[in-house]
Amino acid sequence: MHYPYKLIMVLKKVIVQADFKTVEKKFIATEDPASVTEYINLFKKLKDQNRIQDIKKKNIDFWGKKTFEEFKNFVDSLSRQKSMRQMKKSIYREPVNIEGAKLITENDDWFMYEITSYEACKFLGSRNWCIVRDEKTWDEYKVENNFYFFIAKNRPEDEWHKIALQVEYDDFTIWNALDESYGSVTSHIGDTLNLPKYRSLIKYPVELCATCGYSVNDCQCCPNCGHTYDDCRCCSICESSDSDQCGCCPVCENTAEDCTCCNICGSDDKESCGCCQECNEKEEDCTCEDEDAALIDKEMKKMDEIKD
């Protein structure tokens, strides 16, 4: 069976009103009836103005499970906040308090905000900017860009009453309210419009390497000596900044004191290679045993002569 749409809406309204009456009755059981009625009506007004963003908290049944003090504190807190419409009207007169928009600096003519959320971007930005019109575009740009907005205090709504500063990893671009772009080389725009001094305040999306100028996540420059990968002379064994002078052995990868290499045959184990460390000759070329044998013969002959 299908019921008419109007009948369904009427029934929903009756149910909601019944829910309000139930919660109101619960609160009145322990609180001043006039105060409860006042806050219930104020809650309805805030709800009708779409000032309550949390879906759960829009439902009066949610507050029926809370104390009147919690309900009262929520309504008071929300009442003190300006509505979005009121805030929109005041963005040219005073700093806004909205999540994702951090006031970085200001002067007589401009507010400068760091923008970190789409909600703040949409609230403060120009409708001509693609990052304002589409959240997916904002998400795509935000991966490799930081954004700063300049909001004019005392300027008619011309092409320069809002400015976006798009900061990339090694450069930045200025966009006016009509979505016309100007590269970083046009720094005279800031002076002409009396923008706050912002260059020392902006943050790049990635840290840049002071040696090669690329992202520290991509470059291969040595953090020890500060040279590029090709020019690095650091020793990977002792971490000295000059591998030509430290004496570490690249064969056995030990320091000079702990090196096990044979400097005669080049083996990485001088204990087992057989080379003679006395005459500095390979095993097959060593004459030390022959010399020892000759010395022994000579001594034996002397002893024989003495006996005779």
C-alpha atoms as a PDB file:
ATOM      1  CA  MET A   1       0.000   0.000   0.000  1.00  0.00           C
ATOM      2  CA  HIS A   2       1.361   3.441  -0.948  1.00  0.00           C
ATOM      3  CA  TYR A   3       0.598   6.427   1.251  1.00  0.00           C
ATOM      4  CA  PRO A   4       0.472  10.007  -0.086  1.00  0.00           C
ATOM      5  CA  TYR A   5       3.701  11.981   0.368  1.00  0.00           C
ATOM      6  CA  LYS A   6       1.934  14.761   2.311  1.00  0.00           C
ATOM      7  CA  LEU A   7       0.487  12.216   4.741  1.00  0.00           C
ATOM      8  CA  ILE A   8       3.951  10.738   5.347  1.00  0.00           C
ATOM      9  CA  MET A   9       5.411  14.179   6.044  1.00  0.00           C
ATOM     10  CA  VAL A  10       2.581  15.020   8.445  1.00  0.00           C
ATOM     11  CA  LEU A  11       3.139  11.770  10.313  1.00  0.00           C
ATOM     12  CA  LYS A  12       6.887  12.454  10.549  1.00  0.00           C
ATOM     13  CA  LYS A  13       6.166  15.922  11.962  1.00  0.00           C
ATOM     14  CA  VAL A  14       3.785  14.458  14.531  1.00  0.00           C
ATOM     15  CA  ILE A  15       6.418  11.897  15.567  1.00  0.00           C
ATOM     16  CA  VAL A  16       9.117  14.574  15.913  1.00  0.00           C
ATOM     17  CA  GLN A  17       6.793  16.773  17.976  1.00  0.00           C
ATOM     18  CA  ALA A  18       6.001  13.796  20.172  1.00  0.00           C
ATOM     19  CA  ASP A  19       9.752  13.201  20.645  1.00  0.00           C
ATOM     20  CA  PHE A  20      10.244  16.828  21.696  1.00  0.00           C
ATOM     21  CA  LYS A  21       7.359  16.531  24.168  1.00  0.00           C
ATOM     22  CA  THR A  22       8.856  13.334  25.621  1.00  0.00           C
ATOM     23  CA  VAL A  23      12.294  14.905  26.135  1.00  0.00           C
ATOM     24  CA  GLU A  24      10.762  18.116  27.468  1.00  0.00           C
ATOM     25  CA  LYS A  25       8.722  16.144  29.982  1.00  0.00           C
ATOM     26  CA  LYS A  26      11.836  14.253  31.123  1.00  0.00           C
ATOM     27  CA  PHE A  27      13.813  17.479  31.682  1.00  0.00           C
ATOM     28  CA  ILE A  28      10.914  19.217  33.470  1.00  0.00           C
ATOM     29  CA  ALA A  29      10.849  16.403  36.001  1.00  0.00           C
ATOM     30  CA  THR A  30      14.105  17.709  37.484  1.00  0.00           C
ATOM     31  CA  GLU A  31      14.501  21.257  36.137  1.00  0.00           C
ATOM     32  CA  ASP A  32      12.668  24.564  35.968  1.00  0.00           C
ATOM     33  CA  PRO A  33       9.882  24.157  33.354  1.00  0.00           C
ATOM     34  CA  ALA A  34      10.295  27.691  31.940  1.00  0.00           C
ATOM     35  CA  SER A  35      14.049  27.148  31.427  1.00  0.00           C
ATOM     36  CA  VAL A  36      13.467  23.760  29.774  1.00  0.00           C
ATOM     37  CA  THR A  37      10.882  25.195  27.372  1.00  0.00           C
ATOM     38  CA  GLU A  38      13.181  28.097  26.530  1.00  0.00           C
ATOM     39  CA  TYR A  39      16.090  25.799  25.637  1.00  0.00           C
ATOM     40  CA  ILE A  40      13.892  23.366  23.703  1.00  0.00           C
ATOM     41  CA  ASN A  41      12.623  26.252  21.552  1.00  0.00           C
ATOM     42  CA  LEU A  42      16.139  27.600  21.084  1.00  0.00           C
ATOM     43  CA  PHE A  43      17.305  24.136  20.006  1.00  0.00           C
ATOM     44  CA  LYS A  44      14.506  24.005  17.415  1.00  0.00           C
ATOM     45  CA  LYS A  45      15.547  27.401  16.075  1.00  0.00           C
ATOM     46  CA  LEU A  46      19.190  26.370  15.737  1.00  0.00           C
ATOM     47  CA  LYS A  47      18.112  23.178  14.006  1.00  0.00           C
ATOM     48  CA  ASP A  48      15.895  25.069  11.546  1.00  0.00           C
ATOM     49  CA  GLN A  49      18.804  27.408  10.760  1.00  0.00           C
ATOM     50  CA  ASN A  50      20.937  24.356   9.949  1.00  0.00           C
ATOM     51  CA  ARG A  51      23.441  25.427  12.591  1.00  0.00           C
ATOM     52  CA  ILE A  52      23.786  21.887  14.001  1.00  0.00           C
ATOM     53  CA  GLN A  53      26.205  20.000  11.748  1.00  0.00           C
ATOM     54  CA  ASP A  54      26.406  16.707  13.645  1.00  0.00           C
ATOM     55  CA  ILE A  55      23.543  14.480  12.416  1.00  0.00           C
ATOM     56  CA  LYS A  56      23.239  12.657  15.736  1.00  0.00           C
ATOM     57  CA  LYS A  57      23.014  15.879  17.716  1.00  0.00           C
ATOM     58  CA  LYS A  58      20.260  17.193  15.448  1.00  0.00           C
ATOM     59  CA  ASN A  59      17.980  14.456  16.768  1.00  0.00           C
ATOM     60  CA  ILE A  60      16.235  15.413  20.020  1.00  0.00           C
ATOM     61  CA  ASP A  61      16.193  11.715  20.982  1.00  0.00           C
ATOM     62  CA  PHE A  62      19.989  11.944  21.315  1.00  0.00           C
ATOM     63  CA  TRP A  63      19.590  14.600  24.018  1.00  0.00           C
ATOM     64  CA  GLY A  64      16.796  12.629  25.689  1.00  0.00           C
ATOM     65  CA  LYS A  65      19.541  10.244  26.806  1.00  0.00           C
ATOM     66  CA  LYS A  66      21.618  13.098  28.234  1.00  0.00           C
ATOM     67  CA  THR A  67      21.166  15.355  31.224  1.00  0.00           C
ATOM     68  CA  PHE A  68      19.520  18.763  30.896  1.00  0.00           C
ATOM     69  CA  GLU A  69      22.836  20.366  31.889  1.00  0.00           C
ATOM     70  CA  GLU A  70      24.590  18.725  28.918  1.00  0.00           C
ATOM     71  CA  PHE A  71      21.758  19.788  26.604  1.00  0.00           C
ATOM     72  CA  LYS A  72      21.851  23.348  27.963  1.00  0.00           C
ATOM     73  CA  ASN A  73      25.654  23.627  27.553  1.00  0.00           C
ATOM     74  CA  PHE A  74      25.416  22.434  23.949  1.00  0.00           C
ATOM     75  CA  VAL A  75      22.714  24.967  23.070  1.00  0.00           C
ATOM     76  CA  ASP A  76      24.589  27.785  24.823  1.00  0.00           C
ATOM     77  CA  SER A  77      27.830  26.946  23.024  1.00  0.00           C
ATOM     78  CA  LEU A  78      26.144  26.801  19.641  1.00  0.00           C
ATOM     79  CA  SER A  79      24.226  30.027  20.282  1.00  0.00           C
ATOM     80  CA  ARG A  80      27.450  31.907  20.946  1.00  0.00           C
ATOM     81  CA  GLN A  81      28.862  30.872  17.592  1.00  0.00           C
ATOM     82  CA  LYS A  82      28.081  33.011  14.601  1.00  0.00           C
ATOM     83  CA  SER A  83      26.014  31.478  11.857  1.00  0.00           C
ATOM     84  CA  MET A  84      27.748  30.761   8.565  1.00  0.00           C
ATOM     85  CA  ARG A  85      25.794  33.602   6.975  1.00  0.00           C
ATOM     86  CA  GLN A  86      26.922  36.035   9.685  1.00  0.00           C
ATOM     87  CA  MET A  87      30.512  34.850   9.353  1.00  0.00           C
ATOM     88  CA  LYS A  88      30.391  35.255   5.562  1.00  0.00           C
ATOM     89  CA  LYS A  89      29.415  38.884   6.012  1.00  0.00           C
ATOM     90  CA  SER A  90      32.224  39.535   8.476  1.00  0.00           C
ATOM     91  CA  ILE A  91      35.194  37.933   6.688  1.00  0.00           C
ATOM     92  CA  TYR A  92      36.265  41.331   5.309  1.00  0.00           C
ATOM     93  CA  ARG A  93      36.085  43.008   8.743  1.00  0.00           C
ATOM     94  CA  GLU A  94      37.505  40.554  11.268  1.00  0.00           C
ATOM     95  CA  PRO A  95      39.393  37.234  11.410  1.00  0.00           C
ATOM     96  CA  VAL A  96      37.213  34.171  11.023  1.00  0.00           C
ATOM     97  CA  ASN A  97      37.222  31.241  13.412  1.00  0.00           C
ATOM     98  CA  ILE A  98      36.693  28.200  11.210  1.00  0.00           C
ATOM     99  CA  GLU A  99      38.445  24.848  11.245  1.00  0.00           C
ATOM    100  CA  GLY A 100      41.085  24.584   8.539  1.00  0.00           C
ATOM    101  CA  ALA A 101      41.716  28.345   8.247  1.00  0.00           C
ATOM    102  CA  LYS A 102      44.630  29.576  10.353  1.00  0.00           C
ATOM    103  CA  LEU A 103      45.299  33.309  10.456  1.00  0.00           C
ATOM    104  CA  ILE A 104      49.011  33.656   9.642  1.00  0.00           C
ATOM    105  CA  THR A 105      49.345  37.433   9.576  1.00  0.00           C
ATOM    106  CA  GLU A 106      47.501  40.610   8.681  1.00  0.00           C
ATOM    107  CA  ASN A 107      48.127  44.266   7.919  1.00  0.00           C
ATOM    108  CA  ASP A 108      45.893  47.283   7.376  1.00  0.00           C
ATOM    109  CA  ASP A 109      44.570  45.907   4.086  1.00  0.00           C
ATOM    110  CA  TRP A 110      44.624  42.104   4.255  1.00  0.00           C
ATOM    111  CA  PHE A 111      44.051  38.959   6.292  1.00  0.00           C
ATOM    112  CA  MET A 112      46.304  36.031   5.359  1.00  0.00           C
ATOM    113  CA  TYR A 113      45.158  32.479   6.133  1.00  0.00           C
ATOM    114  CA  GLU A 114      46.769  29.069   5.786  1.00  0.00           C
ATOM    115  CA  ILE A 115      44.064  26.800   4.328  1.00  0.00           C
ATOM    116  CA  THR A 116      44.168  23.121   5.268  1.00  0.00           C
ATOM    117  CA  SER A 117      40.609  21.863   4.730  1.00  0.00           C
ATOM    118  CA  TYR A 118      38.104  21.913   1.901  1.00  0.00           C
ATOM    119  CA  GLU A 119      35.458  23.428   4.200  1.00  0.00           C
ATOM    120  CA  ALA A 120      37.699  26.444   4.866  1.00  0.00           C
ATOM    121  CA  CYS A 121      38.650  26.627   1.185  1.00  0.00           C
ATOM    122  CA  LYS A 122      35.006  26.680   0.147  1.00  0.00           C
ATOM    123  CA  PHE A 123      34.077  29.216   2.833  1.00  0.00           C
ATOM    124  CA  LEU A 124      36.822  31.769   2.144  1.00  0.00           C
ATOM    125  CA  GLY A 125      37.734  31.127  -1.486  1.00  0.00           C
ATOM    126  CA  SER A 126      36.477  32.561  -4.750  1.00  0.00           C
ATOM    127  CA  ARG A 127      33.763  30.596  -6.556  1.00  0.00           C
ATOM    128  CA  ASN A 128      35.887  30.899  -9.710  1.00  0.00           C
ATOM    129  CA  TRP A 129      38.621  28.666  -8.275  1.00  0.00           C
ATOM    130  CA  CYS A 130      38.425  24.977  -9.183  1.00  0.00           C
ATOM    131  CA  ILE A 131      39.574  23.961  -5.682  1.00  0.00           C
ATOM    132  CA  VAL A 132      36.482  25.741  -4.299  1.00  0.00           C
ATOM    133  CA  ARG A 133      33.969  24.322  -6.765  1.00  0.00           C
ATOM    134  CA  ASP A 134      35.021  20.681  -6.444  1.00  0.00           C
ATOM    135  CA  GLU A 135      36.246  18.841  -3.335  1.00  0.00           C
ATOM    136  CA  LYS A 136      37.905  16.113  -5.404  1.00  0.00           C
ATOM    137  CA  THR A 137      40.006  18.755  -7.182  1.00  0.00           C
ATOM    138  CA  TRP A 138      40.970  20.223  -3.807  1.00  0.00           C
ATOM    139  CA  ASP A 139      42.047  16.789  -2.569  1.00  0.00           C
ATOM    140  CA  GLU A 140      44.156  16.203  -5.696  1.00  0.00           C
ATOM    141  CA  TYR A 141      45.913  19.581  -5.496  1.00  0.00           C
ATOM    142  CA  LYS A 142      46.480  19.409  -1.735  1.00  0.00           C
ATOM    143  CA  VAL A 143      48.700  16.340  -2.072  1.00  0.00           C
ATOM    144  CA  GLU A 144      51.594  18.358  -3.540  1.00  0.00           C
ATOM    145  CA  ASN A 145      50.580  21.964  -2.816  1.00  0.00           C
ATOM    146  CA  ASN A 146      50.004  24.244   0.149  1.00  0.00           C
ATOM    147  CA  PHE A 147      47.429  27.022  -0.093  1.00  0.00           C
ATOM    148  CA  TYR A 148      47.219  30.480   1.471  1.00  0.00           C
ATOM    149  CA  PHE A 149      44.329  32.907   0.969  1.00  0.00           C
ATOM    150  CA  PHE A 150      44.471  36.697   1.193  1.00  0.00           C
ATOM    151  CA  ILE A 151      41.149  38.369   2.037  1.00  0.00           C
ATOM    152  CA  ALA A 152      40.943  42.135   1.445  1.00  0.00           C
ATOM    153  CA  LYS A 153      39.643  44.301   4.292  1.00  0.00           C
ATOM    154  CA  ASN A 154      38.787  47.525   2.515  1.00  0.00           C
ATOM    155  CA  ARG A 155      38.456  46.683  -1.143  1.00  0.00           C
ATOM    156  CA  PRO A 156      35.479  46.452  -3.501  1.00  0.00           C
ATOM    157  CA  GLU A 157      34.721  42.986  -4.852  1.00  0.00           C
ATOM    158  CA  ASP A 158      36.990  43.284  -7.882  1.00  0.00           C
ATOM    159  CA  GLU A 159      39.431  40.757  -9.326  1.00  0.00           C
ATOM    160  CA  TRP A 160      41.819  41.314  -6.409  1.00  0.00           C
ATOM    161  CA  HIS A 161      39.503  41.209  -3.379  1.00  0.00           C
ATOM    162  CA  LYS A 162      40.495  37.551  -2.847  1.00  0.00           C
ATOM    163  CA  ILE A 163      43.865  36.021  -3.681  1.00  0.00           C
ATOM    164  CA  ALA A 164      45.051  32.408  -3.535  1.00  0.00           C
ATOM    165  CA  LEU A 165      48.730  31.612  -3.105  1.00  0.00           C
ATOM    166  CA  GLN A 166      49.508  28.118  -4.415  1.00  0.00           C
ATOM    167  CA  VAL A 167      52.831  26.875  -3.034  1.00  0.00           C
ATOM    168  CA  GLU A 168      54.484  23.994  -4.874  1.00  0.00           C
ATOM    169  CA  TYR A 169      57.656  22.191  -3.851  1.00  0.00           C
ATOM    170  CA  ASP A 170      59.992  24.711  -5.482  1.00  0.00           C
ATOM    171  CA  ASP A 171      57.799  27.615  -6.616  1.00  0.00           C
ATOM    172  CA  PHE A 172      54.472  29.373  -6.073  1.00  0.00           C
ATOM    173  CA  THR A 173      51.651  30.859  -8.142  1.00  0.00           C
ATOM    174  CA  ILE A 174      49.289  33.739  -7.379  1.00  0.00           C
ATOM    175  CA  TRP A 175      45.621  33.481  -8.443  1.00  0.00           C
ATOM    176  CA  ASN A 176      43.232  36.419  -8.369  1.00  0.00           C
ATOM    177  CA  ALA A 177      39.485  36.136  -7.718  1.00  0.00           C
ATOM    178  CA  LEU A 178      38.805  35.646 -11.439  1.00  0.00           C
ATOM    179  CA  ASP A 179      41.120  32.625 -11.529  1.00  0.00           C
ATOM    180  CA  GLU A 180      43.850  34.435 -13.476  1.00  0.00           C
ATOM    181  CA  SER A 181      47.325  33.170 -12.587  1.00  0.00           C
ATOM    182  CA  TYR A 182      50.568  35.051 -12.046  1.00  0.00           C
ATOM    183  CA  GLY A 183      53.920  33.333 -11.516  1.00  0.00           C
ATOM    184  CA  SER A 184      56.266  33.937  -8.614  1.00  0.00           C
ATOM    185  CA  VAL A 185      58.363  36.272 -10.765  1.00  0.00           C
ATOM    186  CA  THR A 186      55.559  38.855 -10.572  1.00  0.00           C
ATOM    187  CA  SER A 187      56.448  39.752  -6.998  1.00  0.00           C
ATOM    188  CA  HIS A 188      55.514  43.367  -7.710  1.00  0.00           C
ATOM    189  CA  ILE A 189      51.857  42.341  -7.287  1.00  0.00           C
ATOM    190  CA  GLY A 190      52.396  41.957  -3.561  1.00  0.00           C
ATOM    191  CA  ASP A 191      53.955  45.395  -3.310  1.00  0.00           C
ATOM    192  CA  THR A 192      51.297  47.023  -5.489  1.00  0.00           C
ATOM    193  CA  LEU A 193      48.448  45.566  -3.444  1.00  0.00           C
ATOM    194  CA  ASN A 194      50.257  46.025  -0.115  1.00  0.00           C
ATOM    195  CA  LEU A 195      50.037  42.328   0.750  1.00  0.00           C
ATOM    196  CA  PRO A 196      51.620  41.293   4.069  1.00  0.00           C
ATOM    197  CA  LYS A 197      55.243  40.139   3.839  1.00  0.00           C
ATOM    198  CA  TYR A 198      54.542  36.458   3.359  1.00  0.00           C
ATOM    199  CA  ARG A 199      57.628  34.792   1.853  1.00  0.00           C
ATOM    200  CA  SER A 200      59.171  33.886   5.211  1.00  0.00           C
ATOM    201  CA  LEU A 201      55.808  32.595   6.481  1.00  0.00           C
ATOM    202  CA  ILE A 202      54.857  30.122   3.763  1.00  0.00           C
ATOM    203  CA  LYS A 203      55.661  26.436   4.097  1.00  0.00           C
ATOM    204  CA  TYR A 204      56.580  24.272   1.147  1.00  0.00           C
ATOM    205  CA  PRO A 205      54.753  20.936   0.890  1.00  0.00           C
ATOM    206  CA  VAL A 206      58.035  19.018   1.027  1.00  0.00           C
ATOM    207  CA  GLU A 207      61.451  19.782   2.481  1.00  0.00           C
ATOM    208  CA  LEU A 208      63.975  20.732  -0.202  1.00  0.00           C
ATOM    209  CA  CYS A 209      67.579  19.570  -0.249  1.00  0.00           C
ATOM    210  CA  ALA A 210      69.948  22.515   0.169  1.00  0.00           C
ATOM    211  CA  THR A 211      72.515  20.808  -2.104  1.00  0.00           C
ATOM    212  CA  CYS A 212      70.565  19.707  -5.180  1.00  0.00           C
ATOM    213  CA  GLY A 213      67.307  21.638  -4.692  1.00  0.00           C
ATOM    214  CA  TYR A 214      65.095  18.572  -5.081  1.00  0.00           C
ATOM    215  CA  SER A 215      62.804  17.029  -2.479  1.00  0.00           C
ATOM    216  CA  VAL A 216      64.743  15.370   0.347  1.00  0.00           C
ATOM    217  CA  ASN A 217      62.548  12.333  -0.276  1.00  0.00           C
ATOM    218  CA  ASP A 218      63.847  11.989  -3.829  1.00  0.00           C
ATOM    219  CA  CYS A 219      67.456  13.183  -3.750  1.00  0.00           C
ATOM    220  CA  GLN A 220      70.449  10.972  -2.925  1.00  0.00           C
ATOM    221  CA  CYS A 221      72.686  13.641  -1.454  1.00  0.00           C
ATOM    222  CA  CYS A 222      74.863  12.585   1.464  1.00  0.00           C
ATOM    223  CA  PRO A 223      73.645  13.938   4.832  1.00  0.00           C
ATOM    224  CA  ASN A 224      77.161  13.505   6.264  1.00  0.00           C
ATOM    225  CA  CYS A 225      79.307  15.551   3.886  1.00  0.00           C
ATOM    226  CA  GLY A 226      76.519  17.494   2.160  1.00  0.00           C
ATOM    227  CA  HIS A 227      77.649  16.542  -1.359  1.00  0.00           C
ATOM    228  CA  THR A 228      75.619  14.988  -4.150  1.00  0.00           C
ATOM    229  CA  TYR A 229      75.672  11.223  -4.598  1.00  0.00           C
ATOM    230  CA  ASP A 230      78.286  11.452  -7.385  1.00  0.00           C
ATOM    231  CA  ASP A 231      80.556  13.775  -5.404  1.00  0.00           C
ATOM    232  CA  CYS A 232      80.272  12.016  -2.043  1.00  0.00           C
ATOM    233  CA  ARG A 233      83.612  10.805  -0.670  1.00  0.00           C
ATOM    234  CA  CYS A 234      82.371   9.508   2.666  1.00  0.00           C
ATOM    235  CA  CYS A 235      83.550   6.136   3.934  1.00  0.00           C
ATOM    236  CA  SER A 236      80.677   3.731   4.494  1.00  0.00           C
ATOM    237  CA  ILE A 237      82.771   1.800   7.043  1.00  0.00           C
ATOM    238  CA  CYS A 238      84.001   4.402   9.524  1.00  0.00           C
ATOM    239  CA  GLU A 239      81.728   7.242   8.296  1.00  0.00           C
ATOM    240  CA  SER A 240      84.698   9.512   7.760  1.00  0.00           C
ATOM    241  CA  SER A 241      84.077  12.314   5.252  1.00  0.00           C
ATOM    242  CA  ASP A 242      87.181  11.333   3.257  1.00  0.00           C
ATOM    243  CA  SER A 243      87.428   7.692   2.184  1.00  0.00           C
ATOM    244  CA  ASP A 244      90.794   8.345   0.509  1.00  0.00           C
ATOM    245  CA  GLN A 245      92.457   9.235   3.811  1.00  0.00           C
ATOM    246  CA  CYS A 246      90.731   7.066   6.443  1.00  0.00           C
ATOM    247  CA  GLY A 247      92.549   3.831   5.464  1.00  0.00           C
ATOM    248  CA  CYS A 248      89.518   1.536   5.648  1.00  0.00           C
ATOM    249  CA  CYS A 249      89.668  -1.534   3.448  1.00  0.00           C
ATOM    250  CA  PRO A 250      87.026  -1.790   0.704  1.00  0.00           C
ATOM    251  CA  VAL A 251      87.762  -5.515   0.213  1.00  0.00           C
ATOM    252  CA  CYS A 252      87.019  -6.904   3.691  1.00  0.00           C
ATOM    253  CA  GLU A 253      85.060  -3.767   4.680  1.00  0.00           C
ATOM    254  CA  ASN A 254      86.927  -3.303   7.932  1.00  0.00           C
ATOM    255  CA  THR A 255      88.781  -0.359   9.403  1.00  0.00           C
ATOM    256  CA  ALA A 256      92.540  -0.189   8.923  1.00  0.00           C
ATOM    257  CA  GLU A 257      93.103  -1.638  12.417  1.00  0.00           C
ATOM    258  CA  ASP A 258      90.733  -4.576  11.834  1.00  0.00           C
ATOM    259  CA  CYS A 259      91.630  -5.288   8.208  1.00  0.00           C
ATOM    260  CA  THR A 260      92.133  -9.009   7.508  1.00  0.00           C
ATOM    261  CA  CYS A 261      93.294  -8.639   3.918  1.00  0.00           C
ATOM    262  CA  CYS A 262      96.674  -9.821   2.685  1.00  0.00           C
ATOM    263  CA  ASN A 263      98.615  -6.971   1.102  1.00  0.00           C
ATOM    264  CA  ILE A 264     100.684  -9.480  -0.847  1.00  0.00           C
ATOM    265  CA  CYS A 265      98.137 -11.552  -2.810  1.00  0.00           C
ATOM    266  CA  GLY A 266      95.036  -9.413  -2.217  1.00  0.00           C
ATOM    267  CA  SER A 267      93.109 -12.148  -0.431  1.00  0.00           C
ATOM    268  CA  ASP A 268      90.592 -11.011   2.208  1.00  0.00           C
ATOM    269  CA  ASP A 269      92.044 -13.486   4.762  1.00  0.00           C
ATOM    270  CA  LYS A 270      95.763 -13.183   5.369  1.00  0.00           C
ATOM    271  CA  GLU A 271      95.653 -15.962   7.978  1.00  0.00           C
ATOM    272  CA  SER A 272      94.765 -18.681   5.470  1.00  0.00           C
ATOM    273  CA  CYS A 273      96.260 -17.459   2.175  1.00  0.00           C
ATOM    274  CA  GLY A 274      99.759 -18.827   2.966  1.00  0.00           C
ATOM    275  CA  CYS A 275     101.708 -15.687   2.040  1.00  0.00           C
ATOM    276  CA  CYS A 276     104.737 -14.965   4.132  1.00  0.00           C
ATOM    277  CA  GLN A 277     104.398 -11.821   6.166  1.00  0.00           C
ATOM    278  CA  GLU A 278     108.146 -11.820   6.903  1.00  0.00           C
ATOM    279  CA  CYS A 279     109.537 -11.700   3.399  1.00  0.00           C
ATOM    280  CA  ASN A 280     106.352 -10.251   1.867  1.00  0.00           C
ATOM    281  CA  GLU A 281     106.237 -12.980  -0.767  1.00  0.00           C
ATOM    282  CA  LYS A 282     103.566 -15.384  -1.876  1.00  0.00           C
ATOM    283  CA  GLU A 283     103.744 -18.911  -0.512  1.00  0.00           C
ATOM    284  CA  GLU A 284     105.315 -20.293  -3.662  1.00  0.00           C
ATOM    285  CA  ASP A 285     107.907 -17.531  -3.786  1.00  0.00           C
ATOM    286  CA  CYS A 286     108.786 -17.517  -0.107  1.00  0.00           C
ATOM    287  CA  THR A 287     112.522 -18.225   0.574  1.00  0.00           C
ATOM    288  CA  CYS A 288     112.300 -17.934   4.354  1.00  0.00           C
ATOM    289  CA  GLU A 289     112.441 -21.739   4.941  1.00  0.00           C
ATOM    290  CA  ASP A 290     115.491 -22.126   2.673  1.00  0.00           C
ATOM    291  CA  GLU A 291     117.235 -19.333   4.535  1.00  0.00           C
ATOM    292  CA  ASP A 292     116.319 -20.926   7.855  1.00  0.00           C
ATOM    293  CA  ALA A 293     117.656 -24.304   6.670  1.00  0.00           C
ATOM    294  CA  ALA A 294     120.892 -22.707   5.458  1.00  0.00           C
ATOM    295  CA  LEU A 295     121.276 -20.928   8.796  1.00  0.00           C
ATOM    296  CA  ILE A 296     120.755 -24.212  10.639  1.00  0.00           C
ATOM    297  CA  ASP A 297     123.359 -25.961   8.443  1.00  0.00           C
ATOM    298  CA  LYS A 298     125.785 -23.163   9.116  1.00  0.00           C
ATOM    299  CA  GLU A 299     125.275 -23.449  12.864  1.00  0.00           C
ATOM    300  CA  MET A 300     125.632 -27.215  12.733  1.00  0.00           C
ATOM    301  CA  LYS A 301     128.932 -26.911  10.902  1.00  0.00           C
ATOM    302  CA  LYS A 302     130.201 -24.518  13.546  1.00  0.00           C
ATOM    303  CA  MET A 303     129.276 -26.951  16.266  1.00  0.00           C
ATOM    304  CA  ASP A 304     131.059 -29.778  14.391  1.00  0.00           C
ATOM    305  CA  GLU A 305     134.177 -27.664  14.081  1.00  0.00           C
ATOM    306  CA  ILE A 306     134.125 -26.942  17.786  1.00  0.00           C
ATOM    307  CA  LYS A 307     133.895 -30.656  18.581  1.00  0.00           C
ATOM    308  CA  ASP A 308     136.812 -31.445  16.315  1.00  0.00           C
END
